[in-house]
Amino acid sequence: MTLGEIVERKRKSAADTRGELLRAARRRFLDESYENVGLRDIARDVGVDVALVSRYFGSKEQLFREVLRGGKEKFDAGLPVADLPAYLVSMLTQTDASADVEHVEKMLISLRSASSPVASRLVREAIEGDVLEPLSALIGGEDPEVRASLILAVLMGTTILRTVMSVEPMCDGCPDTMRARLLRLFEAALADR
């Protein structure tokens, strides 16, 4: 084995370990509040020394930030504002349940840790930086922050009712009437006046 192959193998191993730590942290934060999750527990779940968690993430706060981000970048629909309502409706009404899992898990992690001052600050920062600010910039016009917040409220509320609470008819395949009403909600939230 060449020196380059050894270095590459180590690099892959480090990336794999980092990924395992993120997955273990996600599971822990899903099951317990931020305050009850310890870095030692996460390290033990992966079978590594706790110092490695600190080496890869720096702190529990940074690890929590990365779990909230989930490898995703900031909100960017990559389409004109006029097409945004239909895009948002399609996000909410997709039938592929696996596509919802990551969003639902982030929401559950956020809700489970809401009583923690540290975690609630980190959740707010993630929502503002990754969703509200880019969405506000995209929609522009008058009161873009208010309109972006209304959009997020509809997205979060609908997601909770559909996936966590299983409230009918929200989780009943989203009939056309539901889609039409959601479309009007998003159009109203996006309206400049």
C-alpha atoms as a PDB file:
ATOM      1  CA  MET A   1       0.000   0.000   0.000  1.00  0.00           C
ATOM      2  CA  THR A   2       1.376   3.407  -0.952  1.00  0.00           C
ATOM      3  CA  LEU A   3       1.540   6.384   1.384  1.00  0.00           C
ATOM      4  CA  GLY A   4      -1.211   8.088  -0.646  1.00  0.00           C
ATOM      5  CA  GLU A   5      -3.486   5.052  -0.209  1.00  0.00           C
ATOM      6  CA  ILE A   6      -2.852   5.045   3.545  1.00  0.00           C
ATOM      7  CA  VAL A   7      -3.683   8.755   3.797  1.00  0.00           C
ATOM      8  CA  GLU A   8      -6.830   8.266   1.679  1.00  0.00           C
ATOM      9  CA  ARG A   9      -7.918   5.290   3.819  1.00  0.00           C
ATOM     10  CA  LYS A  10      -7.453   7.350   7.003  1.00  0.00           C
ATOM     11  CA  ARG A  11      -9.407  10.252   5.474  1.00  0.00           C
ATOM     12  CA  LYS A  12     -12.311   7.978   4.544  1.00  0.00           C
ATOM     13  CA  SER A  13     -12.236   6.440   7.985  1.00  0.00           C
ATOM     14  CA  ALA A  14     -12.335   9.892   9.610  1.00  0.00           C
ATOM     15  CA  ALA A  15     -15.266  10.929   7.408  1.00  0.00           C
ATOM     16  CA  ASP A  16     -17.064   7.683   8.226  1.00  0.00           C
ATOM     17  CA  THR A  17     -16.502   8.187  11.957  1.00  0.00           C
ATOM     18  CA  ARG A  18     -17.716  11.777  11.752  1.00  0.00           C
ATOM     19  CA  GLY A  19     -20.853  10.594   9.939  1.00  0.00           C
ATOM     20  CA  GLU A  20     -21.458   7.892  12.543  1.00  0.00           C
ATOM     21  CA  LEU A  21     -21.131  10.490  15.308  1.00  0.00           C
ATOM     22  CA  LEU A  22     -23.670  12.741  13.576  1.00  0.00           C
ATOM     23  CA  ARG A  23     -26.121   9.834  13.200  1.00  0.00           C
ATOM     24  CA  ALA A  24     -25.654   8.824  16.846  1.00  0.00           C
ATOM     25  CA  ALA A  25     -26.173  12.424  17.961  1.00  0.00           C
ATOM     26  CA  ARG A  26     -29.339  12.690  15.851  1.00  0.00           C
ATOM     27  CA  ARG A  27     -30.729   9.530  17.485  1.00  0.00           C
ATOM     28  CA  ARG A  28     -29.858  10.826  20.965  1.00  0.00           C
ATOM     29  CA  PHE A  29     -31.387  14.263  20.348  1.00  0.00           C
ATOM     30  CA  LEU A  30     -34.516  12.585  18.946  1.00  0.00           C
ATOM     31  CA  ASP A  31     -34.912  10.524  22.128  1.00  0.00           C
ATOM     32  CA  GLU A  32     -33.831  13.041  24.756  1.00  0.00           C
ATOM     33  CA  SER A  33     -33.714  16.779  25.316  1.00  0.00           C
ATOM     34  CA  TYR A  34     -30.568  18.752  24.581  1.00  0.00           C
ATOM     35  CA  GLU A  35     -29.766  19.031  28.295  1.00  0.00           C
ATOM     36  CA  ASN A  36     -29.922  15.255  28.807  1.00  0.00           C
ATOM     37  CA  VAL A  37     -27.664  14.294  25.906  1.00  0.00           C
ATOM     38  CA  GLY A  38     -24.013  13.861  26.793  1.00  0.00           C
ATOM     39  CA  LEU A  39     -21.057  13.775  24.446  1.00  0.00           C
ATOM     40  CA  ARG A  40     -19.793  10.671  26.267  1.00  0.00           C
ATOM     41  CA  ASP A  41     -23.045   8.863  25.432  1.00  0.00           C
ATOM     42  CA  ILE A  42     -22.725   9.765  21.758  1.00  0.00           C
ATOM     43  CA  ALA A  43     -19.088   8.650  21.699  1.00  0.00           C
ATOM     44  CA  ARG A  44     -19.997   5.394  23.453  1.00  0.00           C
ATOM     45  CA  ASP A  45     -22.752   4.746  20.864  1.00  0.00           C
ATOM     46  CA  VAL A  46     -20.112   4.866  18.123  1.00  0.00           C
ATOM     47  CA  GLY A  47     -17.364   3.167  20.122  1.00  0.00           C
ATOM     48  CA  VAL A  48     -14.894   6.051  20.121  1.00  0.00           C
ATOM     49  CA  ASP A  49     -13.272   8.239  22.739  1.00  0.00           C
ATOM     50  CA  VAL A  50     -15.195  11.393  23.685  1.00  0.00           C
ATOM     51  CA  ALA A  51     -12.179  13.487  22.692  1.00  0.00           C
ATOM     52  CA  LEU A  52     -12.913  12.541  19.081  1.00  0.00           C
ATOM     53  CA  VAL A  53     -16.357  14.131  19.306  1.00  0.00           C
ATOM     54  CA  SER A  54     -14.763  17.361  20.473  1.00  0.00           C
ATOM     55  CA  ARG A  55     -12.117  17.101  17.767  1.00  0.00           C
ATOM     56  CA  TYR A  56     -14.700  16.819  14.978  1.00  0.00           C
ATOM     57  CA  PHE A  57     -17.328  19.208  16.325  1.00  0.00           C
ATOM     58  CA  GLY A  58     -15.662  21.402  18.937  1.00  0.00           C
ATOM     59  CA  SER A  59     -18.580  21.412  21.352  1.00  0.00           C
ATOM     60  CA  LYS A  60     -22.010  20.038  22.069  1.00  0.00           C
ATOM     61  CA  GLU A  61     -23.507  23.274  20.712  1.00  0.00           C
ATOM     62  CA  GLN A  62     -21.725  22.882  17.379  1.00  0.00           C
ATOM     63  CA  LEU A  63     -22.716  19.224  17.171  1.00  0.00           C
ATOM     64  CA  PHE A  64     -26.360  20.199  17.803  1.00  0.00           C
ATOM     65  CA  ARG A  65     -26.103  22.870  15.070  1.00  0.00           C
ATOM     66  CA  GLU A  66     -24.865  20.271  12.607  1.00  0.00           C
ATOM     67  CA  VAL A  67     -27.633  17.857  13.566  1.00  0.00           C
ATOM     68  CA  LEU A  68     -30.200  20.620  12.968  1.00  0.00           C
ATOM     69  CA  ARG A  69     -28.659  21.482   9.626  1.00  0.00           C
ATOM     70  CA  GLY A  70     -28.594  17.829   8.595  1.00  0.00           C
ATOM     71  CA  GLY A  71     -26.166  18.403   5.764  1.00  0.00           C
ATOM     72  CA  LYS A  72     -28.633  20.742   4.083  1.00  0.00           C
ATOM     73  CA  GLU A  73     -27.793  24.156   2.827  1.00  0.00           C
ATOM     74  CA  LYS A  74     -29.907  27.249   3.269  1.00  0.00           C
ATOM     75  CA  PHE A  75     -33.374  27.394   1.746  1.00  0.00           C
ATOM     76  CA  ASP A  76     -33.108  27.876  -1.987  1.00  0.00           C
ATOM     77  CA  ALA A  77     -36.016  26.792  -4.143  1.00  0.00           C
ATOM     78  CA  GLY A  78     -34.128  28.025  -7.207  1.00  0.00           C
ATOM     79  CA  LEU A  79     -37.290  29.316  -8.860  1.00  0.00           C
ATOM     80  CA  PRO A  80     -39.143  32.581  -9.383  1.00  0.00           C
ATOM     81  CA  VAL A  81     -41.291  33.902  -6.526  1.00  0.00           C
ATOM     82  CA  ALA A  82     -44.430  33.437  -8.649  1.00  0.00           C
ATOM     83  CA  ASP A  83     -43.798  29.663  -8.650  1.00  0.00           C
ATOM     84  CA  LEU A  84     -43.056  29.479  -4.914  1.00  0.00           C
ATOM     85  CA  PRO A  85     -46.640  28.754  -3.697  1.00  0.00           C
ATOM     86  CA  ALA A  86     -46.963  25.699  -5.959  1.00  0.00           C
ATOM     87  CA  TYR A  87     -43.498  24.511  -4.938  1.00  0.00           C
ATOM     88  CA  LEU A  88     -44.377  24.810  -1.227  1.00  0.00           C
ATOM     89  CA  VAL A  89     -47.635  22.907  -1.759  1.00  0.00           C
ATOM     90  CA  SER A  90     -45.729  20.144  -3.536  1.00  0.00           C
ATOM     91  CA  MET A  91     -43.317  19.948  -0.586  1.00  0.00           C
ATOM     92  CA  LEU A  92     -46.214  19.451   1.814  1.00  0.00           C
ATOM     93  CA  THR A  93     -48.239  17.055  -0.275  1.00  0.00           C
ATOM     94  CA  GLN A  94     -45.577  14.722  -1.602  1.00  0.00           C
ATOM     95  CA  THR A  95     -46.531  11.114  -1.131  1.00  0.00           C
ATOM     96  CA  ASP A  96     -42.988   9.844  -0.566  1.00  0.00           C
ATOM     97  CA  ALA A  97     -42.935   9.455   3.218  1.00  0.00           C
ATOM     98  CA  SER A  98     -39.150   9.052   3.299  1.00  0.00           C
ATOM     99  CA  ALA A  99     -38.754  12.619   2.001  1.00  0.00           C
ATOM    100  CA  ASP A 100     -40.520  13.920   5.129  1.00  0.00           C
ATOM    101  CA  VAL A 101     -38.406  11.961   7.612  1.00  0.00           C
ATOM    102  CA  GLU A 102     -35.500  14.379   7.867  1.00  0.00           C
ATOM    103  CA  HIS A 103     -37.740  17.445   8.217  1.00  0.00           C
ATOM    104  CA  VAL A 104     -39.918  15.735  10.802  1.00  0.00           C
ATOM    105  CA  GLU A 105     -36.901  14.571  12.786  1.00  0.00           C
ATOM    106  CA  LYS A 106     -35.464  18.099  12.841  1.00  0.00           C
ATOM    107  CA  MET A 107     -38.811  19.398  14.030  1.00  0.00           C
ATOM    108  CA  LEU A 108     -39.023  16.757  16.770  1.00  0.00           C
ATOM    109  CA  ILE A 109     -35.475  17.489  17.885  1.00  0.00           C
ATOM    110  CA  SER A 110     -36.333  21.196  18.020  1.00  0.00           C
ATOM    111  CA  LEU A 111     -39.534  20.620  19.975  1.00  0.00           C
ATOM    112  CA  ARG A 112     -37.952  18.114  22.372  1.00  0.00           C
ATOM    113  CA  SER A 113     -35.228  20.600  23.300  1.00  0.00           C
ATOM    114  CA  ALA A 114     -37.373  23.756  23.310  1.00  0.00           C
ATOM    115  CA  SER A 115     -37.173  24.099  27.101  1.00  0.00           C
ATOM    116  CA  SER A 116     -33.391  24.415  26.970  1.00  0.00           C
ATOM    117  CA  PRO A 117     -32.234  28.033  26.665  1.00  0.00           C
ATOM    118  CA  VAL A 118     -29.128  26.934  24.749  1.00  0.00           C
ATOM    119  CA  ALA A 119     -30.972  24.598  22.374  1.00  0.00           C
ATOM    120  CA  SER A 120     -33.842  27.014  21.729  1.00  0.00           C
ATOM    121  CA  ARG A 121     -31.311  29.715  20.801  1.00  0.00           C
ATOM    122  CA  LEU A 122     -29.570  27.318  18.412  1.00  0.00           C
ATOM    123  CA  VAL A 123     -32.906  26.294  16.861  1.00  0.00           C
ATOM    124  CA  ARG A 124     -33.856  29.958  16.369  1.00  0.00           C
ATOM    125  CA  GLU A 125     -30.481  30.680  14.774  1.00  0.00           C
ATOM    126  CA  ALA A 126     -30.885  27.717  12.418  1.00  0.00           C
ATOM    127  CA  ILE A 127     -34.416  28.715  11.430  1.00  0.00           C
ATOM    128  CA  GLU A 128     -33.455  32.339  10.903  1.00  0.00           C
ATOM    129  CA  GLY A 129     -30.201  31.663   9.042  1.00  0.00           C
ATOM    130  CA  ASP A 130     -31.224  28.650   6.985  1.00  0.00           C
ATOM    131  CA  VAL A 131     -34.862  29.411   6.206  1.00  0.00           C
ATOM    132  CA  LEU A 132     -36.252  32.830   7.129  1.00  0.00           C
ATOM    133  CA  GLU A 133     -33.413  35.063   5.913  1.00  0.00           C
ATOM    134  CA  PRO A 134     -32.961  33.363   2.523  1.00  0.00           C
ATOM    135  CA  LEU A 135     -36.733  33.118   2.030  1.00  0.00           C
ATOM    136  CA  SER A 136     -37.162  36.796   2.944  1.00  0.00           C
ATOM    137  CA  ALA A 137     -34.445  37.755   0.471  1.00  0.00           C
ATOM    138  CA  LEU A 138     -36.116  35.672  -2.220  1.00  0.00           C
ATOM    139  CA  ILE A 139     -39.594  37.134  -1.773  1.00  0.00           C
ATOM    140  CA  GLY A 140     -38.501  40.755  -1.188  1.00  0.00           C
ATOM    141  CA  GLY A 141     -41.092  43.526  -1.220  1.00  0.00           C
ATOM    142  CA  GLU A 142     -42.924  44.849   1.815  1.00  0.00           C
ATOM    143  CA  ASP A 143     -42.459  43.032   5.161  1.00  0.00           C
ATOM    144  CA  PRO A 144     -40.631  40.021   3.696  1.00  0.00           C
ATOM    145  CA  GLU A 145     -39.710  38.733   7.184  1.00  0.00           C
ATOM    146  CA  VAL A 146     -43.369  38.668   8.248  1.00  0.00           C
ATOM    147  CA  ARG A 147     -44.416  36.908   5.053  1.00  0.00           C
ATOM    148  CA  ALA A 148     -41.578  34.384   5.323  1.00  0.00           C
ATOM    149  CA  SER A 149     -42.569  33.683   8.946  1.00  0.00           C
ATOM    150  CA  LEU A 150     -46.185  33.068   7.913  1.00  0.00           C
ATOM    151  CA  ILE A 151     -45.009  30.635   5.242  1.00  0.00           C
ATOM    152  CA  LEU A 152     -42.874  28.805   7.789  1.00  0.00           C
ATOM    153  CA  ALA A 153     -45.788  28.656  10.255  1.00  0.00           C
ATOM    154  CA  VAL A 154     -47.985  26.989   7.631  1.00  0.00           C
ATOM    155  CA  LEU A 155     -45.191  24.597   6.645  1.00  0.00           C
ATOM    156  CA  MET A 156     -44.414  23.601  10.230  1.00  0.00           C
ATOM    157  CA  GLY A 157     -48.008  23.351  11.366  1.00  0.00           C
ATOM    158  CA  THR A 158     -49.050  21.272   8.380  1.00  0.00           C
ATOM    159  CA  THR A 159     -46.037  18.998   8.740  1.00  0.00           C
ATOM    160  CA  ILE A 160     -46.756  18.386  12.424  1.00  0.00           C
ATOM    161  CA  LEU A 161     -50.430  17.681  11.784  1.00  0.00           C
ATOM    162  CA  ARG A 162     -49.670  15.339   8.871  1.00  0.00           C
ATOM    163  CA  THR A 163     -46.708  13.381  10.170  1.00  0.00           C
ATOM    164  CA  VAL A 164     -46.509  13.626  13.944  1.00  0.00           C
ATOM    165  CA  MET A 165     -50.158  13.919  14.930  1.00  0.00           C
ATOM    166  CA  SER A 166     -51.670  12.047  11.933  1.00  0.00           C
ATOM    167  CA  VAL A 167     -54.672  14.377  11.912  1.00  0.00           C
ATOM    168  CA  GLU A 168     -57.220  13.593   9.198  1.00  0.00           C
ATOM    169  CA  PRO A 169     -57.668  14.819   6.508  1.00  0.00           C
ATOM    170  CA  MET A 170     -54.139  16.300   6.631  1.00  0.00           C
ATOM    171  CA  CYS A 171     -52.521  12.881   6.320  1.00  0.00           C
ATOM    172  CA  ASP A 172     -55.144  11.439   3.997  1.00  0.00           C
ATOM    173  CA  GLY A 173     -53.165  11.800   0.770  1.00  0.00           C
ATOM    174  CA  CYS A 174     -53.884  15.545   0.570  1.00  0.00           C
ATOM    175  CA  PRO A 175     -56.911  15.678  -1.709  1.00  0.00           C
ATOM    176  CA  ASP A 176     -57.182  18.357  -4.388  1.00  0.00           C
ATOM    177  CA  THR A 177     -59.269  20.597  -2.129  1.00  0.00           C
ATOM    178  CA  MET A 178     -56.475  20.552   0.474  1.00  0.00           C
ATOM    179  CA  ARG A 179     -53.889  21.414  -2.180  1.00  0.00           C
ATOM    180  CA  ALA A 180     -56.022  24.275  -3.497  1.00  0.00           C
ATOM    181  CA  ARG A 181     -56.487  25.724  -0.007  1.00  0.00           C
ATOM    182  CA  LEU A 182     -52.785  25.407   0.812  1.00  0.00           C
ATOM    183  CA  LEU A 183     -51.969  27.135  -2.459  1.00  0.00           C
ATOM    184  CA  ARG A 184     -54.258  30.052  -1.520  1.00  0.00           C
ATOM    185  CA  LEU A 185     -52.669  30.236   1.961  1.00  0.00           C
ATOM    186  CA  PHE A 186     -49.183  30.498   0.475  1.00  0.00           C
ATOM    187  CA  GLU A 187     -50.313  33.008  -2.135  1.00  0.00           C
ATOM    188  CA  ALA A 188     -51.882  35.137   0.624  1.00  0.00           C
ATOM    189  CA  ALA A 189     -48.742  34.906   2.766  1.00  0.00           C
ATOM    190  CA  LEU A 190     -46.595  35.922  -0.190  1.00  0.00           C
ATOM    191  CA  ALA A 191     -48.833  38.814  -1.267  1.00  0.00           C
ATOM    192  CA  ASP A 192     -47.094  42.152  -0.951  1.00  0.00           C
ATOM    193  CA  ARG A 193     -50.244  43.691   0.560  1.00  0.00           C
END
